[in-house]
Amino acid sequence: MVIIDIETGDCEVDETGLEASRILREKRPLARLFGIRIGYNVAASFGGVMERIKR
């Protein structure tokens, strides 16, 4: 997962996004964060299927 602070452009990469979010929140507690899973169309799936992006 890539987690991006949408206001500053700072980003962190982590397997699940939780640690990356924590690191960014330590820098800016009120940060507005956006997450995307690398290589997939979606960040998470609830009962569905996550398909990899084919290029």
C-alpha atoms as a PDB file:
ATOM      1  CA  MET A   1       0.000   0.000   0.000  1.00  0.00           C
ATOM      2  CA  VAL A   2       1.051   3.543  -0.690  1.00  0.00           C
ATOM      3  CA  ILE A   3      -0.382   6.106   1.715  1.00  0.00           C
ATOM      4  CA  ILE A   4      -0.198   9.739   0.585  1.00  0.00           C
ATOM      5  CA  ASP A   5      -0.784  12.917   2.565  1.00  0.00           C
ATOM      6  CA  ILE A   6      -2.881  14.759  -0.014  1.00  0.00           C
ATOM      7  CA  GLU A   7      -1.971  18.194   1.314  1.00  0.00           C
ATOM      8  CA  THR A   8       1.822  17.864   1.451  1.00  0.00           C
ATOM      9  CA  GLY A   9       2.546  15.031  -0.985  1.00  0.00           C
ATOM     10  CA  ASP A  10       4.454  13.056   1.659  1.00  0.00           C
ATOM     11  CA  CYS A  11       4.069   9.306   1.211  1.00  0.00           C
ATOM     12  CA  GLU A  12       4.937   6.031   2.906  1.00  0.00           C
ATOM     13  CA  VAL A  13       4.828   2.426   1.667  1.00  0.00           C
ATOM     14  CA  ASP A  14       3.771  -0.525   3.848  1.00  0.00           C
ATOM     15  CA  GLU A  15       2.369  -4.041   3.402  1.00  0.00           C
ATOM     16  CA  THR A  16      -1.065  -3.186   4.860  1.00  0.00           C
ATOM     17  CA  GLY A  17      -0.956   0.601   5.029  1.00  0.00           C
ATOM     18  CA  LEU A  18      -1.417   0.720   8.804  1.00  0.00           C
ATOM     19  CA  GLU A  19       2.211   1.408   9.675  1.00  0.00           C
ATOM     20  CA  ALA A  20       2.517   3.893   6.800  1.00  0.00           C
ATOM     21  CA  SER A  21      -0.556   5.764   8.055  1.00  0.00           C
ATOM     22  CA  ARG A  22       0.832   5.813  11.596  1.00  0.00           C
ATOM     23  CA  ILE A  23       4.134   7.281  10.399  1.00  0.00           C
ATOM     24  CA  LEU A  24       2.382  10.038   8.440  1.00  0.00           C
ATOM     25  CA  ARG A  25       0.046  10.802  11.366  1.00  0.00           C
ATOM     26  CA  GLU A  26       3.061  11.209  13.663  1.00  0.00           C
ATOM     27  CA  LYS A  27       4.337  13.951  11.336  1.00  0.00           C
ATOM     28  CA  ARG A  28       0.934  15.631  10.968  1.00  0.00           C
ATOM     29  CA  PRO A  29      -1.848  14.365  13.299  1.00  0.00           C
ATOM     30  CA  LEU A  30      -4.646  15.962  11.243  1.00  0.00           C
ATOM     31  CA  ALA A  31      -3.275  14.823   7.869  1.00  0.00           C
ATOM     32  CA  ARG A  32      -5.761  13.916   5.142  1.00  0.00           C
ATOM     33  CA  LEU A  33      -4.562  10.575   3.808  1.00  0.00           C
ATOM     34  CA  PHE A  34      -5.258   8.629   0.609  1.00  0.00           C
ATOM     35  CA  GLY A  35      -4.283   4.986   0.125  1.00  0.00           C
ATOM     36  CA  ILE A  36      -3.921   2.784  -2.932  1.00  0.00           C
ATOM     37  CA  ARG A  37      -2.714  -0.807  -3.255  1.00  0.00           C
ATOM     38  CA  ILE A  38       0.210  -1.077  -5.658  1.00  0.00           C
ATOM     39  CA  GLY A  39      -0.670  -3.166  -8.722  1.00  0.00           C
ATOM     40  CA  TYR A  40      -4.434  -3.319  -8.083  1.00  0.00           C
ATOM     41  CA  ASN A  41      -7.483  -1.287  -9.093  1.00  0.00           C
ATOM     42  CA  VAL A  42      -8.744  -1.066  -5.496  1.00  0.00           C
ATOM     43  CA  ALA A  43      -7.185  -0.744  -2.045  1.00  0.00           C
ATOM     44  CA  ALA A  44      -9.412  -3.391  -0.394  1.00  0.00           C
ATOM     45  CA  SER A  45     -12.261  -5.737  -1.226  1.00  0.00           C
ATOM     46  CA  PHE A  46     -15.141  -6.650   1.078  1.00  0.00           C
ATOM     47  CA  GLY A  47     -16.424 -10.003  -0.124  1.00  0.00           C
ATOM     48  CA  GLY A  48     -15.352  -9.370  -3.734  1.00  0.00           C
ATOM     49  CA  VAL A  49     -12.336 -10.173  -5.820  1.00  0.00           C
ATOM     50  CA  MET A  50      -9.246  -8.028  -6.155  1.00  0.00           C
ATOM     51  CA  GLU A  51      -7.894  -8.248  -9.678  1.00  0.00           C
ATOM     52  CA  ARG A  52      -4.337  -7.275 -10.506  1.00  0.00           C
ATOM     53  CA  ILE A  53      -3.729  -4.615 -13.119  1.00  0.00           C
ATOM     54  CA  LYS A  54      -2.338  -6.251 -16.252  1.00  0.00           C
ATOM     55  CA  ARG A  55       0.004  -4.208 -18.394  1.00  0.00           C
END
